[in-house]
Amino acid sequence: MSNLTLALDAMGGDHGPHITVPAALQALALYPQLTIILVGDRIAIGEQLRRHHRTESSRLQLLHAEQVVSMSDRPLHALRNRRKSSMRLALELVHEGKADACVSAGNTGALMAMAKVVLKTLPGIDRPALTTALPTTTGHPVYMLDLGANVVCDSETLFQFAVMGSVLAECVGNRRRPRLALLNVGAEEIKGNDQVQQAAQLLQATPQLNYRGFIEGDGIFTGAVDVIVCDGFVGNVTLKTTEGIARLLVQQMRQAMEGNLLARALGWLLKGRLKRLYRQMNPDQYNGATLLGLRGIVVKSHGNADNAAFLRAIEEAVLEVQRQVPGRIKSRLESVLLDKS
């Protein structure tokens, strides 16, 4: 696409405009074809723009919002009482065709509820799923879903997640005929609850999908598959555990290299390799979870993202707009459902 427009919820997350505005300015410098609409409190956004010696322009626009969705707002409360919030107005810009995608670091539950009401789900999709790419030992990311949008899922919902995840891995991850697995308590066919067992049967009966069976937790980062499907409860616990372990290992390495003279000398010699390792393990490198299954593109940044992490979420939105992800999911789903009927 020669030109594209993103709507940014500038007030979302733990830091609001202090992070979202500088990241937006970096994105504009990286993508000459990009226009950004910053949605939020005009005064707060204006202060950050002045700090960076910038003003509104044809590529950087402001839309004032009277309200903010707080991180503690319950989804239903936000849906009913935050109609003039920066999150809601950013989503409405996508619905009205004034923006190609929305990026927010705000309340996940509220974003999910608002996006489903404002944008609606694609035909054949019951619930949107939250997904992101995770690092593997092969260097090729694995897409995992759902990561917390739906804590309880039936077998049909898991099947829909599999279709959506496969399309994302194919058109964004450039994986030809992506390998797909269900996360389970064991790799044996007899293992798992009823939902997982029934979902496996649906996937086995769908030749358009490259289903490889069950995978256990210790296989997530091996690169054995390209897409891993689970319910949102399991997925969110897995994601948060992964992020915690990554930060623990990085902290341990730093402490080890700050020890005696020999450790510091060794750290200096390995500085380049350690930096590369840190970039691979740093969860911020993979920031930018997508709400798949909507009639529009919505990317969720984690709430405590810094400039680099929020920029990564913006880049994910740009890529999905360029690859026209919702349209491809719609086409694939129609093909699968037609063959099932």
C-alpha atoms as a PDB file:
ATOM      1  CA  MET A   1       0.000   0.000   0.000  1.00  0.00           C
ATOM      2  CA  SER A   2       1.418   3.387  -0.991  1.00  0.00           C
ATOM      3  CA  ASN A   3      -0.237   5.246   1.906  1.00  0.00           C
ATOM      4  CA  LEU A   4      -1.681   4.077   5.191  1.00  0.00           C
ATOM      5  CA  THR A   5      -3.088   5.689   8.316  1.00  0.00           C
ATOM      6  CA  LEU A   6      -2.905   4.465  11.902  1.00  0.00           C
ATOM      7  CA  ALA A   7      -5.047   5.617  14.813  1.00  0.00           C
ATOM      8  CA  LEU A   8      -3.059   5.581  18.064  1.00  0.00           C
ATOM      9  CA  ASP A   9      -4.705   5.530  21.472  1.00  0.00           C
ATOM     10  CA  ALA A  10      -2.200   8.064  22.805  1.00  0.00           C
ATOM     11  CA  MET A  11      -3.516   7.860  26.386  1.00  0.00           C
ATOM     12  CA  GLY A  12      -3.401   4.078  26.800  1.00  0.00           C
ATOM     13  CA  GLY A  13      -0.946   2.154  28.951  1.00  0.00           C
ATOM     14  CA  ASP A  14       1.000   3.031  32.059  1.00  0.00           C
ATOM     15  CA  HIS A  15       2.795   6.031  30.547  1.00  0.00           C
ATOM     16  CA  GLY A  16       0.411   7.502  27.940  1.00  0.00           C
ATOM     17  CA  PRO A  17       1.761  10.330  25.737  1.00  0.00           C
ATOM     18  CA  HIS A  18       5.226  10.150  27.324  1.00  0.00           C
ATOM     19  CA  ILE A  19       5.709   6.903  25.368  1.00  0.00           C
ATOM     20  CA  THR A  20       3.137   6.926  22.574  1.00  0.00           C
ATOM     21  CA  VAL A  21       4.045  10.324  21.121  1.00  0.00           C
ATOM     22  CA  PRO A  22       7.828   9.746  20.772  1.00  0.00           C
ATOM     23  CA  ALA A  23       7.165   6.288  19.316  1.00  0.00           C
ATOM     24  CA  ALA A  24       4.752   7.813  16.801  1.00  0.00           C
ATOM     25  CA  LEU A  25       7.372  10.335  15.724  1.00  0.00           C
ATOM     26  CA  GLN A  26       9.914   7.552  15.248  1.00  0.00           C
ATOM     27  CA  ALA A  27       7.428   5.608  13.130  1.00  0.00           C
ATOM     28  CA  LEU A  28       6.796   8.610  10.900  1.00  0.00           C
ATOM     29  CA  ALA A  29      10.535   8.888  10.298  1.00  0.00           C
ATOM     30  CA  LEU A  30      10.772   5.199   9.424  1.00  0.00           C
ATOM     31  CA  TYR A  31       7.729   5.022   7.108  1.00  0.00           C
ATOM     32  CA  PRO A  32       7.375   7.921   4.628  1.00  0.00           C
ATOM     33  CA  GLN A  33       3.993   6.565   3.496  1.00  0.00           C
ATOM     34  CA  LEU A  34       2.572   6.596   7.039  1.00  0.00           C
ATOM     35  CA  THR A  35       0.063   9.035   8.560  1.00  0.00           C
ATOM     36  CA  ILE A  36      -0.690   8.882  12.288  1.00  0.00           C
ATOM     37  CA  ILE A  37      -3.732  10.200  14.127  1.00  0.00           C
ATOM     38  CA  LEU A  38      -2.970  10.689  17.817  1.00  0.00           C
ATOM     39  CA  VAL A  39      -6.190  10.295  19.797  1.00  0.00           C
ATOM     40  CA  GLY A  40      -6.304  11.672  23.326  1.00  0.00           C
ATOM     41  CA  ASP A  41      -6.076  14.756  25.484  1.00  0.00           C
ATOM     42  CA  ARG A  42      -4.950  17.605  23.234  1.00  0.00           C
ATOM     43  CA  ILE A  43      -3.052  19.403  26.029  1.00  0.00           C
ATOM     44  CA  ALA A  44      -1.097  16.335  27.169  1.00  0.00           C
ATOM     45  CA  ILE A  45      -0.235  15.350  23.598  1.00  0.00           C
ATOM     46  CA  GLY A  46       0.680  18.935  22.723  1.00  0.00           C
ATOM     47  CA  GLU A  47       3.153  19.100  25.599  1.00  0.00           C
ATOM     48  CA  GLN A  48       4.978  16.044  24.290  1.00  0.00           C
ATOM     49  CA  LEU A  49       5.011  17.380  20.734  1.00  0.00           C
ATOM     50  CA  ARG A  50       6.524  20.665  21.888  1.00  0.00           C
ATOM     51  CA  ARG A  51       9.135  18.769  23.843  1.00  0.00           C
ATOM     52  CA  HIS A  52      10.174  17.116  20.590  1.00  0.00           C
ATOM     53  CA  HIS A  53       9.844  20.361  18.608  1.00  0.00           C
ATOM     54  CA  ARG A  54       6.960  19.048  16.528  1.00  0.00           C
ATOM     55  CA  THR A  55       3.475  20.283  15.649  1.00  0.00           C
ATOM     56  CA  GLU A  56       0.468  18.915  13.804  1.00  0.00           C
ATOM     57  CA  SER A  57       0.965  18.324  10.083  1.00  0.00           C
ATOM     58  CA  SER A  58      -0.582  16.460   7.185  1.00  0.00           C
ATOM     59  CA  ARG A  59       1.074  13.253   8.444  1.00  0.00           C
ATOM     60  CA  LEU A  60       0.601  13.861  12.166  1.00  0.00           C
ATOM     61  CA  GLN A  61      -2.938  14.688  13.220  1.00  0.00           C
ATOM     62  CA  LEU A  62      -4.636  15.077  16.602  1.00  0.00           C
ATOM     63  CA  LEU A  63      -8.132  14.056  17.621  1.00  0.00           C
ATOM     64  CA  HIS A  64      -9.151  15.272  21.059  1.00  0.00           C
ATOM     65  CA  ALA A  65     -10.752  12.761  23.431  1.00  0.00           C
ATOM     66  CA  GLU A  66     -12.489  13.804  26.637  1.00  0.00           C
ATOM     67  CA  GLN A  67     -12.107  10.464  28.414  1.00  0.00           C
ATOM     68  CA  VAL A  68      -9.475   7.809  29.117  1.00  0.00           C
ATOM     69  CA  VAL A  69     -10.026   4.103  29.754  1.00  0.00           C
ATOM     70  CA  SER A  70      -8.107   3.302  32.923  1.00  0.00           C
ATOM     71  CA  MET A  71      -6.258   0.024  33.433  1.00  0.00           C
ATOM     72  CA  SER A  72      -8.684  -0.799  36.274  1.00  0.00           C
ATOM     73  CA  ASP A  73     -11.909  -0.214  34.299  1.00  0.00           C
ATOM     74  CA  ARG A  74     -14.021  -3.320  33.889  1.00  0.00           C
ATOM     75  CA  PRO A  75     -14.747  -4.105  30.216  1.00  0.00           C
ATOM     76  CA  LEU A  76     -18.533  -3.664  30.515  1.00  0.00           C
ATOM     77  CA  HIS A  77     -18.134  -0.409  32.444  1.00  0.00           C
ATOM     78  CA  ALA A  78     -15.723   0.943  29.819  1.00  0.00           C
ATOM     79  CA  LEU A  79     -18.055  -0.133  27.030  1.00  0.00           C
ATOM     80  CA  ARG A  80     -21.001   1.719  28.551  1.00  0.00           C
ATOM     81  CA  ASN A  81     -19.301   4.752  30.077  1.00  0.00           C
ATOM     82  CA  ARG A  82     -16.202   5.497  27.979  1.00  0.00           C
ATOM     83  CA  ARG A  83     -17.809   6.297  24.638  1.00  0.00           C
ATOM     84  CA  LYS A  84     -15.724   9.472  24.304  1.00  0.00           C
ATOM     85  CA  SER A  85     -12.454   7.845  25.343  1.00  0.00           C
ATOM     86  CA  SER A  86      -9.274   7.813  23.278  1.00  0.00           C
ATOM     87  CA  MET A  87      -9.560   4.036  22.886  1.00  0.00           C
ATOM     88  CA  ARG A  88     -13.135   4.141  21.605  1.00  0.00           C
ATOM     89  CA  LEU A  89     -12.521   7.045  19.210  1.00  0.00           C
ATOM     90  CA  ALA A  90      -9.409   5.349  17.783  1.00  0.00           C
ATOM     91  CA  LEU A  91     -11.458   2.220  17.039  1.00  0.00           C
ATOM     92  CA  GLU A  92     -14.231   4.296  15.471  1.00  0.00           C
ATOM     93  CA  LEU A  93     -11.696   5.856  13.089  1.00  0.00           C
ATOM     94  CA  VAL A  94     -10.974   2.349  11.795  1.00  0.00           C
ATOM     95  CA  HIS A  95     -14.680   1.558  11.546  1.00  0.00           C
ATOM     96  CA  GLU A  96     -15.313   4.755   9.578  1.00  0.00           C
ATOM     97  CA  GLY A  97     -12.453   4.014   7.172  1.00  0.00           C
ATOM     98  CA  LYS A  98     -10.448   7.043   8.324  1.00  0.00           C
ATOM     99  CA  ALA A  99      -7.678   4.784   9.664  1.00  0.00           C
ATOM    100  CA  ASP A 100      -6.404   1.403   8.504  1.00  0.00           C
ATOM    101  CA  ALA A 101      -5.565   0.099  11.983  1.00  0.00           C
ATOM    102  CA  CYS A 102      -5.683   0.962  15.678  1.00  0.00           C
ATOM    103  CA  VAL A 103      -2.824   0.585  18.177  1.00  0.00           C
ATOM    104  CA  SER A 104      -3.409   0.782  21.933  1.00  0.00           C
ATOM    105  CA  ALA A 105      -1.471  -0.042  25.095  1.00  0.00           C
ATOM    106  CA  GLY A 106      -4.621   0.298  27.167  1.00  0.00           C
ATOM    107  CA  ASN A 107      -6.815  -2.059  29.154  1.00  0.00           C
ATOM    108  CA  THR A 108      -6.918  -5.386  27.277  1.00  0.00           C
ATOM    109  CA  GLY A 109     -10.413  -6.397  28.362  1.00  0.00           C
ATOM    110  CA  ALA A 110     -11.857  -3.007  27.464  1.00  0.00           C
ATOM    111  CA  LEU A 111     -10.079  -3.007  24.102  1.00  0.00           C
ATOM    112  CA  MET A 112     -11.450  -6.466  23.339  1.00  0.00           C
ATOM    113  CA  ALA A 113     -15.023  -5.489  24.281  1.00  0.00           C
ATOM    114  CA  MET A 114     -14.968  -2.167  22.403  1.00  0.00           C
ATOM    115  CA  ALA A 115     -13.338  -3.638  19.307  1.00  0.00           C
ATOM    116  CA  LYS A 116     -15.917  -6.398  19.092  1.00  0.00           C
ATOM    117  CA  VAL A 117     -18.793  -3.894  19.356  1.00  0.00           C
ATOM    118  CA  VAL A 118     -17.345  -1.188  17.092  1.00  0.00           C
ATOM    119  CA  LEU A 119     -15.668  -3.301  14.395  1.00  0.00           C
ATOM    120  CA  LYS A 120     -17.620  -6.575  14.677  1.00  0.00           C
ATOM    121  CA  THR A 121     -16.130 -10.002  13.989  1.00  0.00           C
ATOM    122  CA  LEU A 122     -15.586 -11.510  10.559  1.00  0.00           C
ATOM    123  CA  PRO A 123     -18.269 -13.882   9.218  1.00  0.00           C
ATOM    124  CA  GLY A 124     -17.723 -17.318  10.748  1.00  0.00           C
ATOM    125  CA  ILE A 125     -15.736 -15.992  13.725  1.00  0.00           C
ATOM    126  CA  ASP A 126     -17.397 -16.096  17.139  1.00  0.00           C
ATOM    127  CA  ARG A 127     -14.670 -14.407  19.193  1.00  0.00           C
ATOM    128  CA  PRO A 128     -11.516 -12.449  18.418  1.00  0.00           C
ATOM    129  CA  ALA A 129      -8.254 -13.973  19.636  1.00  0.00           C
ATOM    130  CA  LEU A 130      -5.171 -12.250  20.992  1.00  0.00           C
ATOM    131  CA  THR A 131      -1.959 -13.487  19.377  1.00  0.00           C
ATOM    132  CA  THR A 132       1.699 -12.585  19.122  1.00  0.00           C
ATOM    133  CA  ALA A 133       4.950 -14.006  17.783  1.00  0.00           C
ATOM    134  CA  LEU A 134       7.319 -15.707  20.227  1.00  0.00           C
ATOM    135  CA  PRO A 135      11.015 -16.479  19.635  1.00  0.00           C
ATOM    136  CA  THR A 136      12.249 -20.013  18.911  1.00  0.00           C
ATOM    137  CA  THR A 137      15.613 -21.744  18.721  1.00  0.00           C
ATOM    138  CA  THR A 138      15.361 -21.890  14.922  1.00  0.00           C
ATOM    139  CA  GLY A 139      15.085 -18.113  14.528  1.00  0.00           C
ATOM    140  CA  HIS A 140      11.594 -18.374  13.042  1.00  0.00           C
ATOM    141  CA  PRO A 141       8.861 -17.074  15.379  1.00  0.00           C
ATOM    142  CA  VAL A 142       5.927 -19.163  16.518  1.00  0.00           C
ATOM    143  CA  TYR A 143       2.483 -17.545  16.653  1.00  0.00           C
ATOM    144  CA  MET A 144       0.492 -18.421  19.754  1.00  0.00           C
ATOM    145  CA  LEU A 145      -3.188 -17.788  20.392  1.00  0.00           C
ATOM    146  CA  ASP A 146      -5.270 -17.087  22.410  1.00  0.00           C
ATOM    147  CA  LEU A 147      -3.214 -15.083  24.917  1.00  0.00           C
ATOM    148  CA  GLY A 148      -5.970 -13.908  27.222  1.00  0.00           C
ATOM    149  CA  ALA A 149      -8.928 -12.539  25.308  1.00  0.00           C
ATOM    150  CA  ASN A 150     -11.040 -15.685  25.906  1.00  0.00           C
ATOM    151  CA  VAL A 151     -10.343 -17.642  29.075  1.00  0.00           C
ATOM    152  CA  VAL A 152     -12.909 -20.332  28.212  1.00  0.00           C
ATOM    153  CA  CYS A 153     -13.138 -21.764  24.685  1.00  0.00           C
ATOM    154  CA  ASP A 154     -15.079 -24.610  23.102  1.00  0.00           C
ATOM    155  CA  SER A 155     -13.692 -26.808  20.324  1.00  0.00           C
ATOM    156  CA  GLU A 156     -15.214 -24.737  17.499  1.00  0.00           C
ATOM    157  CA  THR A 157     -13.604 -21.571  18.862  1.00  0.00           C
ATOM    158  CA  LEU A 158     -10.215 -23.309  19.034  1.00  0.00           C
ATOM    159  CA  PHE A 159     -10.715 -24.420  15.435  1.00  0.00           C
ATOM    160  CA  GLN A 160     -11.402 -20.827  14.361  1.00  0.00           C
ATOM    161  CA  PHE A 161      -8.251 -19.719  16.192  1.00  0.00           C
ATOM    162  CA  ALA A 162      -6.296 -22.302  14.215  1.00  0.00           C
ATOM    163  CA  VAL A 163      -7.537 -20.921  10.902  1.00  0.00           C
ATOM    164  CA  MET A 164      -6.726 -17.335  11.886  1.00  0.00           C
ATOM    165  CA  GLY A 165      -3.306 -18.187  13.275  1.00  0.00           C
ATOM    166  CA  SER A 166      -2.368 -20.097  10.147  1.00  0.00           C
ATOM    167  CA  VAL A 167      -3.263 -17.130   7.939  1.00  0.00           C
ATOM    168  CA  LEU A 168      -1.229 -14.760  10.122  1.00  0.00           C
ATOM    169  CA  ALA A 169       1.821 -17.040  10.053  1.00  0.00           C
ATOM    170  CA  GLU A 170       1.516 -17.342   6.288  1.00  0.00           C
ATOM    171  CA  CYS A 171       1.026 -13.711   5.289  1.00  0.00           C
ATOM    172  CA  VAL A 172       2.985 -11.925   8.053  1.00  0.00           C
ATOM    173  CA  GLY A 173       5.450 -14.620   9.123  1.00  0.00           C
ATOM    174  CA  ASN A 174       6.059 -15.731   5.521  1.00  0.00           C
ATOM    175  CA  ARG A 175       5.599 -19.400   6.451  1.00  0.00           C
ATOM    176  CA  ARG A 176       4.418 -21.514   3.535  1.00  0.00           C
ATOM    177  CA  ARG A 177       1.726 -23.963   4.706  1.00  0.00           C
ATOM    178  CA  PRO A 178       2.296 -23.213   8.417  1.00  0.00           C
ATOM    179  CA  ARG A 179       2.606 -26.169  10.770  1.00  0.00           C
ATOM    180  CA  LEU A 180      -0.101 -26.082  13.418  1.00  0.00           C
ATOM    181  CA  ALA A 181      -0.415 -27.708  16.853  1.00  0.00           C
ATOM    182  CA  LEU A 182      -2.727 -27.688  19.866  1.00  0.00           C
ATOM    183  CA  LEU A 183      -1.107 -26.989  23.246  1.00  0.00           C
ATOM    184  CA  ASN A 184      -1.865 -29.915  25.526  1.00  0.00           C
ATOM    185  CA  VAL A 185      -0.765 -31.674  28.712  1.00  0.00           C
ATOM    186  CA  GLY A 186       0.805 -34.429  26.619  1.00  0.00           C
ATOM    187  CA  ALA A 187       1.654 -35.247  23.016  1.00  0.00           C
ATOM    188  CA  GLU A 188      -0.259 -38.541  23.043  1.00  0.00           C
ATOM    189  CA  GLU A 189      -3.601 -38.611  21.229  1.00  0.00           C
ATOM    190  CA  ILE A 190      -5.458 -39.804  24.343  1.00  0.00           C
ATOM    191  CA  LYS A 191      -4.369 -36.794  26.439  1.00  0.00           C
ATOM    192  CA  GLY A 192      -6.343 -33.572  26.982  1.00  0.00           C
ATOM    193  CA  ASN A 193      -9.811 -32.358  27.966  1.00  0.00           C
ATOM    194  CA  ASP A 194     -12.920 -32.676  25.819  1.00  0.00           C
ATOM    195  CA  GLN A 195     -12.485 -29.276  24.148  1.00  0.00           C
ATOM    196  CA  VAL A 196      -8.937 -30.040  23.009  1.00  0.00           C
ATOM    197  CA  GLN A 197      -9.863 -33.560  21.885  1.00  0.00           C
ATOM    198  CA  GLN A 198     -12.819 -32.321  19.835  1.00  0.00           C
ATOM    199  CA  ALA A 199     -10.771 -29.490  18.343  1.00  0.00           C
ATOM    200  CA  ALA A 200      -8.159 -32.043  17.265  1.00  0.00           C
ATOM    201  CA  GLN A 201     -10.847 -34.023  15.447  1.00  0.00           C
ATOM    202  CA  LEU A 202     -12.017 -30.900  13.607  1.00  0.00           C
ATOM    203  CA  LEU A 203      -8.455 -30.053  12.564  1.00  0.00           C
ATOM    204  CA  GLN A 204      -7.677 -33.589  11.440  1.00  0.00           C
ATOM    205  CA  ALA A 205     -10.712 -33.392   9.146  1.00  0.00           C
ATOM    206  CA  THR A 206      -9.521 -30.120   7.539  1.00  0.00           C
ATOM    207  CA  PRO A 207      -6.819 -30.791   4.907  1.00  0.00           C
ATOM    208  CA  GLN A 208      -6.400 -27.055   4.158  1.00  0.00           C
ATOM    209  CA  LEU A 209      -4.657 -26.759   7.534  1.00  0.00           C
ATOM    210  CA  ASN A 210      -1.267 -28.366   8.200  1.00  0.00           C
ATOM    211  CA  TYR A 211      -2.202 -29.851  11.559  1.00  0.00           C
ATOM    212  CA  ARG A 212       0.649 -31.709  13.327  1.00  0.00           C
ATOM    213  CA  GLY A 213      -1.086 -32.850  16.528  1.00  0.00           C
ATOM    214  CA  PHE A 214      -0.473 -31.932  20.168  1.00  0.00           C
ATOM    215  CA  ILE A 215       2.513 -30.068  21.587  1.00  0.00           C
ATOM    216  CA  GLU A 216       3.578 -29.712  25.218  1.00  0.00           C
ATOM    217  CA  GLY A 217       4.784 -26.590  26.966  1.00  0.00           C
ATOM    218  CA  ASP A 218       8.443 -27.492  26.631  1.00  0.00           C
ATOM    219  CA  GLY A 219       8.064 -27.583  22.848  1.00  0.00           C
ATOM    220  CA  ILE A 220       6.782 -24.020  22.417  1.00  0.00           C
ATOM    221  CA  PHE A 221      10.187 -22.496  21.692  1.00  0.00           C
ATOM    222  CA  THR A 222      11.734 -25.338  19.674  1.00  0.00           C
ATOM    223  CA  GLY A 223      10.441 -24.152  16.309  1.00  0.00           C
ATOM    224  CA  ALA A 224       8.778 -27.521  15.689  1.00  0.00           C
ATOM    225  CA  VAL A 225       5.579 -25.748  14.591  1.00  0.00           C
ATOM    226  CA  ASP A 226       4.605 -22.283  13.367  1.00  0.00           C
ATOM    227  CA  VAL A 227       1.247 -21.854  15.148  1.00  0.00           C
ATOM    228  CA  ILE A 228       0.179 -23.015  18.622  1.00  0.00           C
ATOM    229  CA  VAL A 229      -3.483 -22.872  19.668  1.00  0.00           C
ATOM    230  CA  CYS A 230      -4.858 -22.853  23.213  1.00  0.00           C
ATOM    231  CA  ASP A 231      -7.521 -21.120  25.288  1.00  0.00           C
ATOM    232  CA  GLY A 232      -6.844 -17.661  26.688  1.00  0.00           C
ATOM    233  CA  PHE A 233      -6.342 -18.800  30.282  1.00  0.00           C
ATOM    234  CA  VAL A 234      -3.517 -21.176  29.382  1.00  0.00           C
ATOM    235  CA  GLY A 235      -2.087 -18.788  26.806  1.00  0.00           C
ATOM    236  CA  ASN A 236      -1.922 -15.798  29.137  1.00  0.00           C
ATOM    237  CA  VAL A 237      -0.271 -17.775  31.942  1.00  0.00           C
ATOM    238  CA  THR A 238       2.246 -19.148  29.430  1.00  0.00           C
ATOM    239  CA  LEU A 239       3.032 -15.691  28.043  1.00  0.00           C
ATOM    240  CA  LYS A 240       3.481 -14.045  31.445  1.00  0.00           C
ATOM    241  CA  THR A 241       5.645 -16.940  32.669  1.00  0.00           C
ATOM    242  CA  THR A 242       7.792 -16.669  29.559  1.00  0.00           C
ATOM    243  CA  GLU A 243       8.292 -12.933  30.018  1.00  0.00           C
ATOM    244  CA  GLY A 244       9.188 -13.421  33.675  1.00  0.00           C
ATOM    245  CA  ILE A 245      11.763 -16.110  32.917  1.00  0.00           C
ATOM    246  CA  ALA A 246      13.315 -14.005  30.152  1.00  0.00           C
ATOM    247  CA  ARG A 247      13.741 -11.033  32.468  1.00  0.00           C
ATOM    248  CA  LEU A 248      15.112 -13.286  35.220  1.00  0.00           C
ATOM    249  CA  LEU A 249      17.774 -14.745  32.905  1.00  0.00           C
ATOM    250  CA  VAL A 250      18.780 -11.326  31.599  1.00  0.00           C
ATOM    251  CA  GLN A 251      19.068 -10.004  35.165  1.00  0.00           C
ATOM    252  CA  GLN A 252      21.142 -13.020  36.213  1.00  0.00           C
ATOM    253  CA  MET A 253      23.521 -12.515  33.280  1.00  0.00           C
ATOM    254  CA  ARG A 254      23.949  -8.844  34.132  1.00  0.00           C
ATOM    255  CA  GLN A 255      24.701  -9.624  37.768  1.00  0.00           C
ATOM    256  CA  ALA A 256      27.195 -12.294  36.762  1.00  0.00           C
ATOM    257  CA  MET A 257      29.051  -9.845  34.506  1.00  0.00           C
ATOM    258  CA  GLU A 258      29.182  -7.214  37.260  1.00  0.00           C
ATOM    259  CA  GLY A 259      31.106  -9.493  39.611  1.00  0.00           C
ATOM    260  CA  ASN A 260      34.881  -9.710  39.975  1.00  0.00           C
ATOM    261  CA  LEU A 261      37.490  -8.411  37.532  1.00  0.00           C
ATOM    262  CA  LEU A 262      37.600 -11.676  35.578  1.00  0.00           C
ATOM    263  CA  ALA A 263      33.809 -11.664  35.116  1.00  0.00           C
ATOM    264  CA  ARG A 264      33.862  -8.060  33.906  1.00  0.00           C
ATOM    265  CA  ALA A 265      36.682  -8.849  31.453  1.00  0.00           C
ATOM    266  CA  LEU A 266      34.752 -11.849  30.147  1.00  0.00           C
ATOM    267  CA  GLY A 267      31.635  -9.704  29.831  1.00  0.00           C
ATOM    268  CA  TRP A 268      33.570  -7.135  27.793  1.00  0.00           C
ATOM    269  CA  LEU A 269      34.857  -9.862  25.447  1.00  0.00           C
ATOM    270  CA  LEU A 270      31.356 -11.273  24.993  1.00  0.00           C
ATOM    271  CA  LYS A 271      29.611  -7.893  24.842  1.00  0.00           C
ATOM    272  CA  GLY A 272      28.395  -8.227  21.248  1.00  0.00           C
ATOM    273  CA  ARG A 273      27.116 -11.762  21.690  1.00  0.00           C
ATOM    274  CA  LEU A 274      25.369 -10.862  24.954  1.00  0.00           C
ATOM    275  CA  LYS A 275      23.631  -7.900  23.315  1.00  0.00           C
ATOM    276  CA  ARG A 276      22.312 -10.162  20.556  1.00  0.00           C
ATOM    277  CA  LEU A 277      21.156 -12.682  23.153  1.00  0.00           C
ATOM    278  CA  TYR A 278      19.413  -9.943  25.139  1.00  0.00           C
ATOM    279  CA  ARG A 279      17.598  -8.696  22.029  1.00  0.00           C
ATOM    280  CA  GLN A 280      16.386 -12.251  21.320  1.00  0.00           C
ATOM    281  CA  MET A 281      15.169 -12.809  24.877  1.00  0.00           C
ATOM    282  CA  ASN A 282      13.768  -9.335  25.570  1.00  0.00           C
ATOM    283  CA  PRO A 283       9.924  -9.580  25.534  1.00  0.00           C
ATOM    284  CA  ASP A 284       9.742  -6.020  24.177  1.00  0.00           C
ATOM    285  CA  GLN A 285      11.221  -7.316  20.929  1.00  0.00           C
ATOM    286  CA  TYR A 286       7.960  -9.209  20.348  1.00  0.00           C
ATOM    287  CA  ASN A 287       5.579  -6.527  21.597  1.00  0.00           C
ATOM    288  CA  GLY A 288       2.457  -6.047  19.540  1.00  0.00           C
ATOM    289  CA  ALA A 289      -0.277  -8.632  20.047  1.00  0.00           C
ATOM    290  CA  THR A 290      -3.011  -8.713  17.425  1.00  0.00           C
ATOM    291  CA  LEU A 291      -6.752  -9.078  17.996  1.00  0.00           C
ATOM    292  CA  LEU A 292      -7.476 -11.484  15.152  1.00  0.00           C
ATOM    293  CA  GLY A 293     -10.956 -12.100  13.783  1.00  0.00           C
ATOM    294  CA  LEU A 294     -12.207  -8.515  13.599  1.00  0.00           C
ATOM    295  CA  ARG A 295     -13.308  -6.578  10.503  1.00  0.00           C
ATOM    296  CA  GLY A 296     -10.357  -4.305  11.060  1.00  0.00           C
ATOM    297  CA  ILE A 297      -6.816  -4.411  12.441  1.00  0.00           C
ATOM    298  CA  VAL A 298      -6.258  -3.824  16.154  1.00  0.00           C
ATOM    299  CA  VAL A 299      -2.811  -4.224  17.741  1.00  0.00           C
ATOM    300  CA  LYS A 300      -2.394  -4.344  21.520  1.00  0.00           C
ATOM    301  CA  SER A 301       0.857  -3.166  23.088  1.00  0.00           C
ATOM    302  CA  HIS A 302       1.634  -4.240  26.636  1.00  0.00           C
ATOM    303  CA  GLY A 303       0.816  -1.547  29.152  1.00  0.00           C
ATOM    304  CA  ASN A 304       4.330  -0.811  30.452  1.00  0.00           C
ATOM    305  CA  ALA A 305       5.917  -0.602  27.006  1.00  0.00           C
ATOM    306  CA  ASP A 306       8.803   1.809  26.479  1.00  0.00           C
ATOM    307  CA  ASN A 307       9.399   3.779  23.269  1.00  0.00           C
ATOM    308  CA  ALA A 308      11.049   0.889  21.439  1.00  0.00           C
ATOM    309  CA  ALA A 309       8.367  -1.600  22.456  1.00  0.00           C
ATOM    310  CA  PHE A 310       5.483   0.665  21.450  1.00  0.00           C
ATOM    311  CA  LEU A 311       7.241   1.351  18.145  1.00  0.00           C
ATOM    312  CA  ARG A 312       7.341  -2.415  17.618  1.00  0.00           C
ATOM    313  CA  ALA A 313       3.549  -2.531  18.043  1.00  0.00           C
ATOM    314  CA  ILE A 314       3.162   0.240  15.459  1.00  0.00           C
ATOM    315  CA  GLU A 315       5.386  -1.694  13.052  1.00  0.00           C
ATOM    316  CA  GLU A 316       3.235  -4.798  13.529  1.00  0.00           C
ATOM    317  CA  ALA A 317       0.142  -2.766  12.601  1.00  0.00           C
ATOM    318  CA  VAL A 318       1.855  -1.381   9.491  1.00  0.00           C
ATOM    319  CA  LEU A 319       2.827  -4.878   8.361  1.00  0.00           C
ATOM    320  CA  GLU A 320      -0.666  -6.283   8.874  1.00  0.00           C
ATOM    321  CA  VAL A 321      -2.212  -3.430   6.910  1.00  0.00           C
ATOM    322  CA  GLN A 322       0.242  -4.014   4.069  1.00  0.00           C
ATOM    323  CA  ARG A 323      -0.517  -7.754   4.068  1.00  0.00           C
ATOM    324  CA  GLN A 324      -4.300  -7.202   4.366  1.00  0.00           C
ATOM    325  CA  VAL A 325      -4.676  -9.749   7.158  1.00  0.00           C
ATOM    326  CA  PRO A 326      -8.470  -9.492   7.834  1.00  0.00           C
ATOM    327  CA  GLY A 327      -9.287 -10.009   4.153  1.00  0.00           C
ATOM    328  CA  ARG A 328      -7.064 -13.062   3.938  1.00  0.00           C
ATOM    329  CA  ILE A 329      -8.591 -14.586   7.076  1.00  0.00           C
ATOM    330  CA  LYS A 330     -12.054 -14.021   5.624  1.00  0.00           C
ATOM    331  CA  SER A 331     -11.129 -15.737   2.355  1.00  0.00           C
ATOM    332  CA  ARG A 332      -9.485 -18.711   4.082  1.00  0.00           C
ATOM    333  CA  LEU A 333     -12.355 -19.149   6.490  1.00  0.00           C
ATOM    334  CA  GLU A 334     -14.908 -19.074   3.679  1.00  0.00           C
ATOM    335  CA  SER A 335     -12.925 -21.773   1.862  1.00  0.00           C
ATOM    336  CA  VAL A 336     -12.690 -23.987   4.937  1.00  0.00           C
ATOM    337  CA  LEU A 337     -16.345 -23.607   5.890  1.00  0.00           C
ATOM    338  CA  LEU A 338     -17.461 -24.277   2.318  1.00  0.00           C
ATOM    339  CA  ASP A 339     -15.524 -27.533   2.237  1.00  0.00           C
ATOM    340  CA  LYS A 340     -16.885 -28.536   5.658  1.00  0.00           C
ATOM    341  CA  SER A 341     -20.429 -28.061   4.429  1.00  0.00           C
END
